[in-house]
Amino acid sequence: MLPRVQYPTFSFTIPSTGQLLKFRPYSVGEEKTLLMALESEDFNDVIAGMKSVISACVQSKDFDIETLSTFDIELFFLHLKSKSSGEEISISLMNKTCLLKEGKGPCEKSSVVKIDLKEVKAMLTGPEGELIEFDPESMKKRMNITLSGDIGVILRFPSFSDLEAAGSMFAKQPKEMSAEEAKKVTKQMGEKLAVRCIVSIYTKEAMFRATEIPEDELLKWYYDLPTTEQKKIEHAFDDLPEVKCQVDFKCQHCDFKSKHTFEGISDFFA
């Protein structure tokens, strides 16, 4: 039997929960699985490939990928990638805001930007467009919604499974929809996502866990809320953490300088 190379073990702390995970780098075969998913250009295939590779590499026994939020998975995957194939990646970027020295308008040529994956973090966007690093404690308070009548709702961050379930509503619709119909379906998706992310409903006297409430009963409770109370819950999902990294960009053709923000997992595979 041929000798097997021993993989090193690394650790990663899940941003939203503080859970410490032990993992190994992915293998060449696992990287090929991921590349095949990326080549399909289907977002669901990419996510399925990421989840498959992550599940294979994590060595912690109490790990359940389906419980992780979208930004947990994306950030962990980029950390896994940095330990498997290098901490720096090069991305071809076309910045259409750069101008030719002659003042003829956007040069629309690509330049290579290097990103240190260690600098990618879970971030929020501030009121002035500034990037704010994710703070678990402040977000925990934000996801605890106070409704009228001394009723409270505790929410969790959406997972990819939640997004897939909500997005399936679009798959059931006709390919051609009017703007009004699409708006209606989008609203229904948001409502379904909000209900799926309810952890518990509480009062001063009692706590009701969502896992112990029949789905139809939970939906009825949500739809019976006044519009103002529904919006309190929906607004919690307006600006969720996302993997982001801001880099200094210099056009290699016209020397125009600016800052560019990469956000969302797809930006790091451009």
C-alpha atoms as a PDB file:
ATOM      1  CA  MET A   1       0.000   0.000   0.000  1.00  0.00           C
ATOM      2  CA  LEU A   2       1.318   3.413  -0.944  1.00  0.00           C
ATOM      3  CA  PRO A   3       2.118   5.818   1.894  1.00  0.00           C
ATOM      4  CA  ARG A   4      -0.478   8.512   2.542  1.00  0.00           C
ATOM      5  CA  VAL A   5       0.433  12.127   3.212  1.00  0.00           C
ATOM      6  CA  GLN A   6      -0.856  13.401   6.536  1.00  0.00           C
ATOM      7  CA  TYR A   7      -2.892  16.585   6.303  1.00  0.00           C
ATOM      8  CA  PRO A   8      -2.271  19.404   8.801  1.00  0.00           C
ATOM      9  CA  THR A   9      -5.170  20.447  11.027  1.00  0.00           C
ATOM     10  CA  PHE A  10      -6.376  24.036  11.337  1.00  0.00           C
ATOM     11  CA  SER A  11      -9.050  25.747  13.385  1.00  0.00           C
ATOM     12  CA  PHE A  12     -11.756  28.296  12.564  1.00  0.00           C
ATOM     13  CA  THR A  13     -14.260  30.083  14.790  1.00  0.00           C
ATOM     14  CA  ILE A  14     -17.774  30.351  13.355  1.00  0.00           C
ATOM     15  CA  PRO A  15     -18.591  34.100  13.474  1.00  0.00           C
ATOM     16  CA  SER A  16     -22.266  33.886  14.436  1.00  0.00           C
ATOM     17  CA  THR A  17     -21.984  31.175  17.107  1.00  0.00           C
ATOM     18  CA  GLY A  18     -18.397  31.211  18.346  1.00  0.00           C
ATOM     19  CA  GLN A  19     -18.141  27.460  17.677  1.00  0.00           C
ATOM     20  CA  LEU A  20     -14.547  26.294  17.144  1.00  0.00           C
ATOM     21  CA  LEU A  21     -14.114  23.925  14.198  1.00  0.00           C
ATOM     22  CA  LYS A  22     -11.159  21.715  13.361  1.00  0.00           C
ATOM     23  CA  PHE A  23     -10.574  21.059   9.676  1.00  0.00           C
ATOM     24  CA  ARG A  24      -8.043  19.827   7.136  1.00  0.00           C
ATOM     25  CA  PRO A  25      -7.230  21.341   3.716  1.00  0.00           C
ATOM     26  CA  TYR A  26      -9.213  19.947   0.792  1.00  0.00           C
ATOM     27  CA  SER A  27      -7.639  17.374  -1.505  1.00  0.00           C
ATOM     28  CA  VAL A  28      -6.989  17.646  -5.245  1.00  0.00           C
ATOM     29  CA  GLY A  29     -10.028  15.447  -5.907  1.00  0.00           C
ATOM     30  CA  GLU A  30     -12.241  17.639  -3.719  1.00  0.00           C
ATOM     31  CA  GLU A  31     -10.932  20.732  -5.468  1.00  0.00           C
ATOM     32  CA  LYS A  32     -11.943  19.206  -8.818  1.00  0.00           C
ATOM     33  CA  THR A  33     -15.461  18.637  -7.463  1.00  0.00           C
ATOM     34  CA  LEU A  34     -15.608  22.299  -6.519  1.00  0.00           C
ATOM     35  CA  LEU A  35     -14.240  23.488  -9.880  1.00  0.00           C
ATOM     36  CA  MET A  36     -16.868  21.441 -11.715  1.00  0.00           C
ATOM     37  CA  ALA A  37     -19.565  23.135  -9.645  1.00  0.00           C
ATOM     38  CA  LEU A  38     -18.081  26.553 -10.405  1.00  0.00           C
ATOM     39  CA  GLU A  39     -17.989  25.806 -14.126  1.00  0.00           C
ATOM     40  CA  SER A  40     -21.723  25.133 -14.130  1.00  0.00           C
ATOM     41  CA  GLU A  41     -22.310  28.844 -13.327  1.00  0.00           C
ATOM     42  CA  ASP A  42     -25.408  27.777 -11.398  1.00  0.00           C
ATOM     43  CA  PHE A  43     -25.421  29.350  -7.922  1.00  0.00           C
ATOM     44  CA  ASN A  44     -27.169  26.345  -6.353  1.00  0.00           C
ATOM     45  CA  ASP A  45     -24.528  24.006  -7.822  1.00  0.00           C
ATOM     46  CA  VAL A  46     -21.759  26.224  -6.442  1.00  0.00           C
ATOM     47  CA  ILE A  47     -23.299  26.213  -2.966  1.00  0.00           C
ATOM     48  CA  ALA A  48     -23.835  22.429  -3.102  1.00  0.00           C
ATOM     49  CA  GLY A  49     -20.174  21.981  -4.101  1.00  0.00           C
ATOM     50  CA  MET A  50     -19.001  24.245  -1.280  1.00  0.00           C
ATOM     51  CA  LYS A  51     -21.116  22.444   1.302  1.00  0.00           C
ATOM     52  CA  SER A  52     -19.911  19.042   0.078  1.00  0.00           C
ATOM     53  CA  VAL A  53     -16.231  20.009   0.307  1.00  0.00           C
ATOM     54  CA  ILE A  54     -16.663  21.719   3.691  1.00  0.00           C
ATOM     55  CA  SER A  55     -18.471  18.696   5.158  1.00  0.00           C
ATOM     56  CA  ALA A  56     -15.668  16.411   3.979  1.00  0.00           C
ATOM     57  CA  CYS A  57     -12.925  18.600   5.471  1.00  0.00           C
ATOM     58  CA  VAL A  58     -14.396  19.428   8.881  1.00  0.00           C
ATOM     59  CA  GLN A  59     -13.178  17.049  11.573  1.00  0.00           C
ATOM     60  CA  SER A  60     -15.314  18.309  14.478  1.00  0.00           C
ATOM     61  CA  LYS A  61     -17.962  15.729  15.402  1.00  0.00           C
ATOM     62  CA  ASP A  62     -20.669  18.195  16.474  1.00  0.00           C
ATOM     63  CA  PHE A  63     -20.669  19.994  13.111  1.00  0.00           C
ATOM     64  CA  ASP A  64     -23.917  20.425  11.155  1.00  0.00           C
ATOM     65  CA  ILE A  65     -23.501  22.544   8.043  1.00  0.00           C
ATOM     66  CA  GLU A  66     -27.261  22.993   7.623  1.00  0.00           C
ATOM     67  CA  THR A  67     -27.396  25.063  10.831  1.00  0.00           C
ATOM     68  CA  LEU A  68     -24.822  27.600   9.646  1.00  0.00           C
ATOM     69  CA  SER A  69     -25.792  30.976   8.249  1.00  0.00           C
ATOM     70  CA  THR A  70     -24.914  31.936   4.695  1.00  0.00           C
ATOM     71  CA  PHE A  71     -22.056  34.218   5.753  1.00  0.00           C
ATOM     72  CA  ASP A  72     -20.685  31.575   8.166  1.00  0.00           C
ATOM     73  CA  ILE A  73     -20.372  29.102   5.296  1.00  0.00           C
ATOM     74  CA  GLU A  74     -18.952  31.633   2.852  1.00  0.00           C
ATOM     75  CA  LEU A  75     -16.325  32.937   5.290  1.00  0.00           C
ATOM     76  CA  PHE A  76     -15.357  29.453   6.417  1.00  0.00           C
ATOM     77  CA  PHE A  77     -15.018  28.325   2.820  1.00  0.00           C
ATOM     78  CA  LEU A  78     -12.667  31.203   1.964  1.00  0.00           C
ATOM     79  CA  HIS A  79     -10.644  30.336   5.081  1.00  0.00           C
ATOM     80  CA  LEU A  80     -10.561  26.703   3.942  1.00  0.00           C
ATOM     81  CA  LYS A  81      -9.475  27.805   0.472  1.00  0.00           C
ATOM     82  CA  SER A  82      -6.661  29.913   1.943  1.00  0.00           C
ATOM     83  CA  LYS A  83      -5.287  26.891   3.818  1.00  0.00           C
ATOM     84  CA  SER A  84      -5.711  24.575   0.836  1.00  0.00           C
ATOM     85  CA  SER A  85      -4.487  26.528  -2.182  1.00  0.00           C
ATOM     86  CA  GLY A  86      -2.907  29.747  -0.880  1.00  0.00           C
ATOM     87  CA  GLU A  87      -3.861  32.837   1.073  1.00  0.00           C
ATOM     88  CA  GLU A  88      -3.698  35.184  -1.915  1.00  0.00           C
ATOM     89  CA  ILE A  89      -5.923  35.130  -4.983  1.00  0.00           C
ATOM     90  CA  SER A  90      -5.775  37.175  -8.180  1.00  0.00           C
ATOM     91  CA  ILE A  91      -8.972  38.441  -9.772  1.00  0.00           C
ATOM     92  CA  SER A  92      -9.402  40.184 -13.101  1.00  0.00           C
ATOM     93  CA  LEU A  93     -11.415  43.343 -12.486  1.00  0.00           C
ATOM     94  CA  MET A  94     -12.888  45.772 -14.978  1.00  0.00           C
ATOM     95  CA  ASN A  95     -13.567  49.066 -13.251  1.00  0.00           C
ATOM     96  CA  LYS A  96     -15.720  51.150 -15.570  1.00  0.00           C
ATOM     97  CA  THR A  97     -15.274  54.263 -13.442  1.00  0.00           C
ATOM     98  CA  CYS A  98     -11.632  54.685 -14.369  1.00  0.00           C
ATOM     99  CA  LEU A  99     -10.853  57.327 -16.984  1.00  0.00           C
ATOM    100  CA  LEU A 100      -8.217  57.513 -19.657  1.00  0.00           C
ATOM    101  CA  LYS A 101      -5.577  60.183 -19.115  1.00  0.00           C
ATOM    102  CA  GLU A 102      -6.780  61.830 -22.315  1.00  0.00           C
ATOM    103  CA  GLY A 103     -10.233  62.212 -20.775  1.00  0.00           C
ATOM    104  CA  LYS A 104     -11.945  60.038 -23.366  1.00  0.00           C
ATOM    105  CA  GLY A 105     -14.109  58.220 -20.850  1.00  0.00           C
ATOM    106  CA  PRO A 106     -13.958  54.759 -19.204  1.00  0.00           C
ATOM    107  CA  CYS A 107     -11.106  52.671 -20.562  1.00  0.00           C
ATOM    108  CA  GLU A 108     -13.099  49.478 -19.854  1.00  0.00           C
ATOM    109  CA  LYS A 109     -10.006  47.288 -19.692  1.00  0.00           C
ATOM    110  CA  SER A 110      -9.347  44.602 -17.117  1.00  0.00           C
ATOM    111  CA  SER A 111      -6.707  44.816 -14.418  1.00  0.00           C
ATOM    112  CA  VAL A 112      -5.547  42.165 -11.978  1.00  0.00           C
ATOM    113  CA  VAL A 113      -6.324  42.722  -8.305  1.00  0.00           C
ATOM    114  CA  LYS A 114      -4.740  40.629  -5.570  1.00  0.00           C
ATOM    115  CA  ILE A 115      -6.744  39.786  -2.459  1.00  0.00           C
ATOM    116  CA  ASP A 116      -5.387  38.477   0.826  1.00  0.00           C
ATOM    117  CA  LEU A 117      -8.065  36.028   1.980  1.00  0.00           C
ATOM    118  CA  LYS A 118      -7.064  36.670   5.599  1.00  0.00           C
ATOM    119  CA  GLU A 119      -8.477  40.186   5.177  1.00  0.00           C
ATOM    120  CA  VAL A 120     -11.929  38.968   4.120  1.00  0.00           C
ATOM    121  CA  LYS A 121     -14.382  39.239   7.016  1.00  0.00           C
ATOM    122  CA  ALA A 122     -18.089  39.172   7.757  1.00  0.00           C
ATOM    123  CA  MET A 123     -19.107  42.795   7.362  1.00  0.00           C
ATOM    124  CA  LEU A 124     -22.111  45.090   7.479  1.00  0.00           C
ATOM    125  CA  THR A 125     -22.602  48.284   5.507  1.00  0.00           C
ATOM    126  CA  GLY A 126     -22.919  51.446   7.607  1.00  0.00           C
ATOM    127  CA  PRO A 127     -25.232  54.410   6.931  1.00  0.00           C
ATOM    128  CA  GLU A 128     -22.490  56.228   4.979  1.00  0.00           C
ATOM    129  CA  GLY A 129     -21.534  53.152   2.994  1.00  0.00           C
ATOM    130  CA  GLU A 130     -18.627  52.343   5.321  1.00  0.00           C
ATOM    131  CA  LEU A 131     -17.827  48.717   6.153  1.00  0.00           C
ATOM    132  CA  ILE A 132     -18.447  47.638   9.756  1.00  0.00           C
ATOM    133  CA  GLU A 133     -17.073  44.344  11.050  1.00  0.00           C
ATOM    134  CA  PHE A 134     -19.679  41.888  12.272  1.00  0.00           C
ATOM    135  CA  ASP A 135     -20.224  42.008  16.036  1.00  0.00           C
ATOM    136  CA  PRO A 136     -22.094  38.920  17.332  1.00  0.00           C
ATOM    137  CA  GLU A 137     -23.419  40.625  20.457  1.00  0.00           C
ATOM    138  CA  SER A 138     -24.908  43.668  18.727  1.00  0.00           C
ATOM    139  CA  MET A 139     -26.439  41.461  16.010  1.00  0.00           C
ATOM    140  CA  LYS A 140     -27.893  39.175  18.679  1.00  0.00           C
ATOM    141  CA  LYS A 141     -29.737  42.173  20.136  1.00  0.00           C
ATOM    142  CA  ARG A 142     -30.930  43.186  16.676  1.00  0.00           C
ATOM    143  CA  MET A 143     -32.366  39.716  16.036  1.00  0.00           C
ATOM    144  CA  ASN A 144     -34.386  39.907  19.268  1.00  0.00           C
ATOM    145  CA  ILE A 145     -37.490  41.808  18.144  1.00  0.00           C
ATOM    146  CA  THR A 146     -39.871  43.455  20.604  1.00  0.00           C
ATOM    147  CA  LEU A 147     -43.472  43.565  19.412  1.00  0.00           C
ATOM    148  CA  SER A 148     -46.420  45.303  21.022  1.00  0.00           C
ATOM    149  CA  GLY A 149     -48.201  43.676  23.955  1.00  0.00           C
ATOM    150  CA  ASP A 150     -44.966  42.522  25.644  1.00  0.00           C
ATOM    151  CA  ILE A 151     -44.414  39.905  22.915  1.00  0.00           C
ATOM    152  CA  GLY A 152     -40.925  39.192  21.625  1.00  0.00           C
ATOM    153  CA  VAL A 153     -39.497  37.204  18.716  1.00  0.00           C
ATOM    154  CA  ILE A 154     -36.000  35.748  18.529  1.00  0.00           C
ATOM    155  CA  LEU A 155     -34.687  35.265  14.994  1.00  0.00           C
ATOM    156  CA  ARG A 156     -31.681  33.488  13.558  1.00  0.00           C
ATOM    157  CA  PHE A 157     -29.632  34.256  10.471  1.00  0.00           C
ATOM    158  CA  PRO A 158     -30.830  32.602   7.234  1.00  0.00           C
ATOM    159  CA  SER A 159     -29.022  29.510   6.010  1.00  0.00           C
ATOM    160  CA  PHE A 160     -28.618  28.460   2.387  1.00  0.00           C
ATOM    161  CA  SER A 161     -31.341  25.882   2.996  1.00  0.00           C
ATOM    162  CA  ASP A 162     -33.681  28.719   3.984  1.00  0.00           C
ATOM    163  CA  LEU A 163     -32.825  30.653   0.829  1.00  0.00           C
ATOM    164  CA  GLU A 164     -33.348  27.561  -1.319  1.00  0.00           C
ATOM    165  CA  ALA A 165     -36.753  26.910   0.280  1.00  0.00           C
ATOM    166  CA  ALA A 166     -37.844  30.518  -0.164  1.00  0.00           C
ATOM    167  CA  GLY A 167     -36.419  30.664  -3.694  1.00  0.00           C
ATOM    168  CA  SER A 168     -38.322  27.532  -4.708  1.00  0.00           C
ATOM    169  CA  MET A 169     -41.419  29.722  -4.865  1.00  0.00           C
ATOM    170  CA  PHE A 170     -40.004  31.354  -7.994  1.00  0.00           C
ATOM    171  CA  ALA A 171     -39.378  27.962  -9.588  1.00  0.00           C
ATOM    172  CA  LYS A 172     -43.087  27.172  -9.279  1.00  0.00           C
ATOM    173  CA  GLN A 173     -44.111  30.345 -11.087  1.00  0.00           C
ATOM    174  CA  PRO A 174     -44.565  30.806 -14.864  1.00  0.00           C
ATOM    175  CA  LYS A 175     -41.373  31.845 -16.648  1.00  0.00           C
ATOM    176  CA  GLU A 176     -42.970  35.099 -17.724  1.00  0.00           C
ATOM    177  CA  MET A 177     -44.425  37.245 -14.949  1.00  0.00           C
ATOM    178  CA  SER A 178     -45.529  40.835 -14.858  1.00  0.00           C
ATOM    179  CA  ALA A 179     -43.649  43.256 -12.625  1.00  0.00           C
ATOM    180  CA  GLU A 180     -46.595  43.236 -10.231  1.00  0.00           C
ATOM    181  CA  GLU A 181     -46.644  39.421 -10.060  1.00  0.00           C
ATOM    182  CA  ALA A 182     -42.884  39.260  -9.502  1.00  0.00           C
ATOM    183  CA  LYS A 183     -43.194  41.828  -6.706  1.00  0.00           C
ATOM    184  CA  LYS A 184     -45.905  39.751  -5.059  1.00  0.00           C
ATOM    185  CA  VAL A 185     -43.835  36.550  -5.230  1.00  0.00           C
ATOM    186  CA  THR A 186     -40.772  38.374  -3.881  1.00  0.00           C
ATOM    187  CA  LYS A 187     -42.828  39.586  -0.910  1.00  0.00           C
ATOM    188  CA  GLN A 188     -44.061  36.043  -0.275  1.00  0.00           C
ATOM    189  CA  MET A 189     -40.461  34.797  -0.397  1.00  0.00           C
ATOM    190  CA  GLY A 190     -39.468  37.371   2.210  1.00  0.00           C
ATOM    191  CA  GLU A 191     -42.360  36.338   4.435  1.00  0.00           C
ATOM    192  CA  LYS A 192     -41.509  32.641   4.113  1.00  0.00           C
ATOM    193  CA  LEU A 193     -37.863  33.358   4.906  1.00  0.00           C
ATOM    194  CA  ALA A 194     -38.812  35.394   7.977  1.00  0.00           C
ATOM    195  CA  VAL A 195     -41.066  32.627   9.328  1.00  0.00           C
ATOM    196  CA  ARG A 196     -38.396  29.953   8.738  1.00  0.00           C
ATOM    197  CA  CYS A 197     -35.910  32.027  10.745  1.00  0.00           C
ATOM    198  CA  ILE A 198     -38.091  32.377  13.841  1.00  0.00           C
ATOM    199  CA  VAL A 199     -36.395  30.597  16.742  1.00  0.00           C
ATOM    200  CA  SER A 200     -38.943  31.386  19.432  1.00  0.00           C
ATOM    201  CA  ILE A 201     -41.810  33.644  20.430  1.00  0.00           C
ATOM    202  CA  TYR A 202     -42.004  34.751  24.044  1.00  0.00           C
ATOM    203  CA  THR A 203     -43.928  36.775  26.590  1.00  0.00           C
ATOM    204  CA  LYS A 204     -43.141  37.577  30.215  1.00  0.00           C
ATOM    205  CA  GLU A 205     -44.794  34.308  31.233  1.00  0.00           C
ATOM    206  CA  ALA A 206     -43.903  31.800  28.517  1.00  0.00           C
ATOM    207  CA  MET A 207     -41.508  30.793  25.732  1.00  0.00           C
ATOM    208  CA  PHE A 208     -42.760  29.076  22.552  1.00  0.00           C
ATOM    209  CA  ARG A 209     -40.065  27.362  20.482  1.00  0.00           C
ATOM    210  CA  ALA A 210     -40.675  27.405  16.723  1.00  0.00           C
ATOM    211  CA  THR A 211     -39.569  23.772  16.395  1.00  0.00           C
ATOM    212  CA  GLU A 212     -42.457  22.766  18.667  1.00  0.00           C
ATOM    213  CA  ILE A 213     -45.106  24.774  16.797  1.00  0.00           C
ATOM    214  CA  PRO A 214     -46.863  23.285  13.722  1.00  0.00           C
ATOM    215  CA  GLU A 215     -45.824  25.159  10.585  1.00  0.00           C
ATOM    216  CA  ASP A 216     -49.365  26.153   9.642  1.00  0.00           C
ATOM    217  CA  GLU A 217     -49.935  27.562  13.130  1.00  0.00           C
ATOM    218  CA  LEU A 218     -46.721  29.579  12.962  1.00  0.00           C
ATOM    219  CA  LEU A 219     -47.645  30.928   9.521  1.00  0.00           C
ATOM    220  CA  LYS A 220     -51.112  31.906  10.736  1.00  0.00           C
ATOM    221  CA  TRP A 221     -49.607  33.714  13.726  1.00  0.00           C
ATOM    222  CA  TYR A 222     -47.276  35.635  11.414  1.00  0.00           C
ATOM    223  CA  TYR A 223     -49.973  36.592   8.905  1.00  0.00           C
ATOM    224  CA  ASP A 224     -52.259  37.701  11.743  1.00  0.00           C
ATOM    225  CA  LEU A 225     -49.714  40.302  12.857  1.00  0.00           C
ATOM    226  CA  PRO A 226     -50.438  43.959  12.081  1.00  0.00           C
ATOM    227  CA  THR A 227     -48.383  45.265   9.151  1.00  0.00           C
ATOM    228  CA  THR A 228     -46.296  47.464  11.452  1.00  0.00           C
ATOM    229  CA  GLU A 229     -45.324  44.437  13.552  1.00  0.00           C
ATOM    230  CA  GLN A 230     -44.514  42.315  10.500  1.00  0.00           C
ATOM    231  CA  LYS A 231     -42.193  45.018   9.228  1.00  0.00           C
ATOM    232  CA  LYS A 232     -40.254  44.978  12.507  1.00  0.00           C
ATOM    233  CA  ILE A 233     -39.424  41.323  11.828  1.00  0.00           C
ATOM    234  CA  GLU A 234     -38.722  41.795   8.119  1.00  0.00           C
ATOM    235  CA  HIS A 235     -36.416  44.785   8.728  1.00  0.00           C
ATOM    236  CA  ALA A 236     -34.095  42.534  10.743  1.00  0.00           C
ATOM    237  CA  PHE A 237     -33.104  40.958   7.414  1.00  0.00           C
ATOM    238  CA  ASP A 238     -32.503  44.234   5.566  1.00  0.00           C
ATOM    239  CA  ASP A 239     -28.736  44.326   6.035  1.00  0.00           C
ATOM    240  CA  LEU A 240     -27.309  40.971   7.022  1.00  0.00           C
ATOM    241  CA  PRO A 241     -23.580  40.275   7.388  1.00  0.00           C
ATOM    242  CA  GLU A 242     -21.803  39.308   4.179  1.00  0.00           C
ATOM    243  CA  VAL A 243     -18.244  38.355   3.312  1.00  0.00           C
ATOM    244  CA  LYS A 244     -16.583  41.554   2.146  1.00  0.00           C
ATOM    245  CA  CYS A 245     -13.146  42.953   1.464  1.00  0.00           C
ATOM    246  CA  GLN A 246     -12.168  46.431   0.306  1.00  0.00           C
ATOM    247  CA  VAL A 247      -9.006  46.796  -1.767  1.00  0.00           C
ATOM    248  CA  ASP A 248      -7.086  49.650  -3.351  1.00  0.00           C
ATOM    249  CA  PHE A 249      -7.583  49.446  -7.106  1.00  0.00           C
ATOM    250  CA  LYS A 250      -5.217  50.911  -9.679  1.00  0.00           C
ATOM    251  CA  CYS A 251      -6.043  50.521 -13.349  1.00  0.00           C
ATOM    252  CA  GLN A 252      -3.022  49.002 -15.082  1.00  0.00           C
ATOM    253  CA  HIS A 253      -3.919  50.853 -18.299  1.00  0.00           C
ATOM    254  CA  CYS A 254      -4.801  54.420 -17.280  1.00  0.00           C
ATOM    255  CA  ASP A 255      -3.437  54.548 -13.676  1.00  0.00           C
ATOM    256  CA  PHE A 256      -6.842  55.539 -12.263  1.00  0.00           C
ATOM    257  CA  LYS A 257      -6.997  54.826  -8.516  1.00  0.00           C
ATOM    258  CA  SER A 258     -10.036  53.974  -6.430  1.00  0.00           C
ATOM    259  CA  LYS A 259     -11.274  51.588  -3.768  1.00  0.00           C
ATOM    260  CA  HIS A 260     -13.234  48.496  -4.770  1.00  0.00           C
ATOM    261  CA  THR A 261     -15.347  46.312  -2.489  1.00  0.00           C
ATOM    262  CA  PHE A 262     -15.670  42.599  -3.153  1.00  0.00           C
ATOM    263  CA  GLU A 263     -18.779  41.192  -1.502  1.00  0.00           C
ATOM    264  CA  GLY A 264     -20.529  37.843  -1.588  1.00  0.00           C
ATOM    265  CA  ILE A 265     -18.842  34.552  -2.360  1.00  0.00           C
ATOM    266  CA  SER A 266     -19.315  34.901  -6.140  1.00  0.00           C
ATOM    267  CA  ASP A 267     -17.105  38.040  -6.218  1.00  0.00           C
ATOM    268  CA  PHE A 268     -14.151  35.972  -5.053  1.00  0.00           C
ATOM    269  CA  PHE A 269     -14.450  33.653  -8.042  1.00  0.00           C
ATOM    270  CA  ALA A 270     -14.797  36.347 -10.695  1.00  0.00           C
END
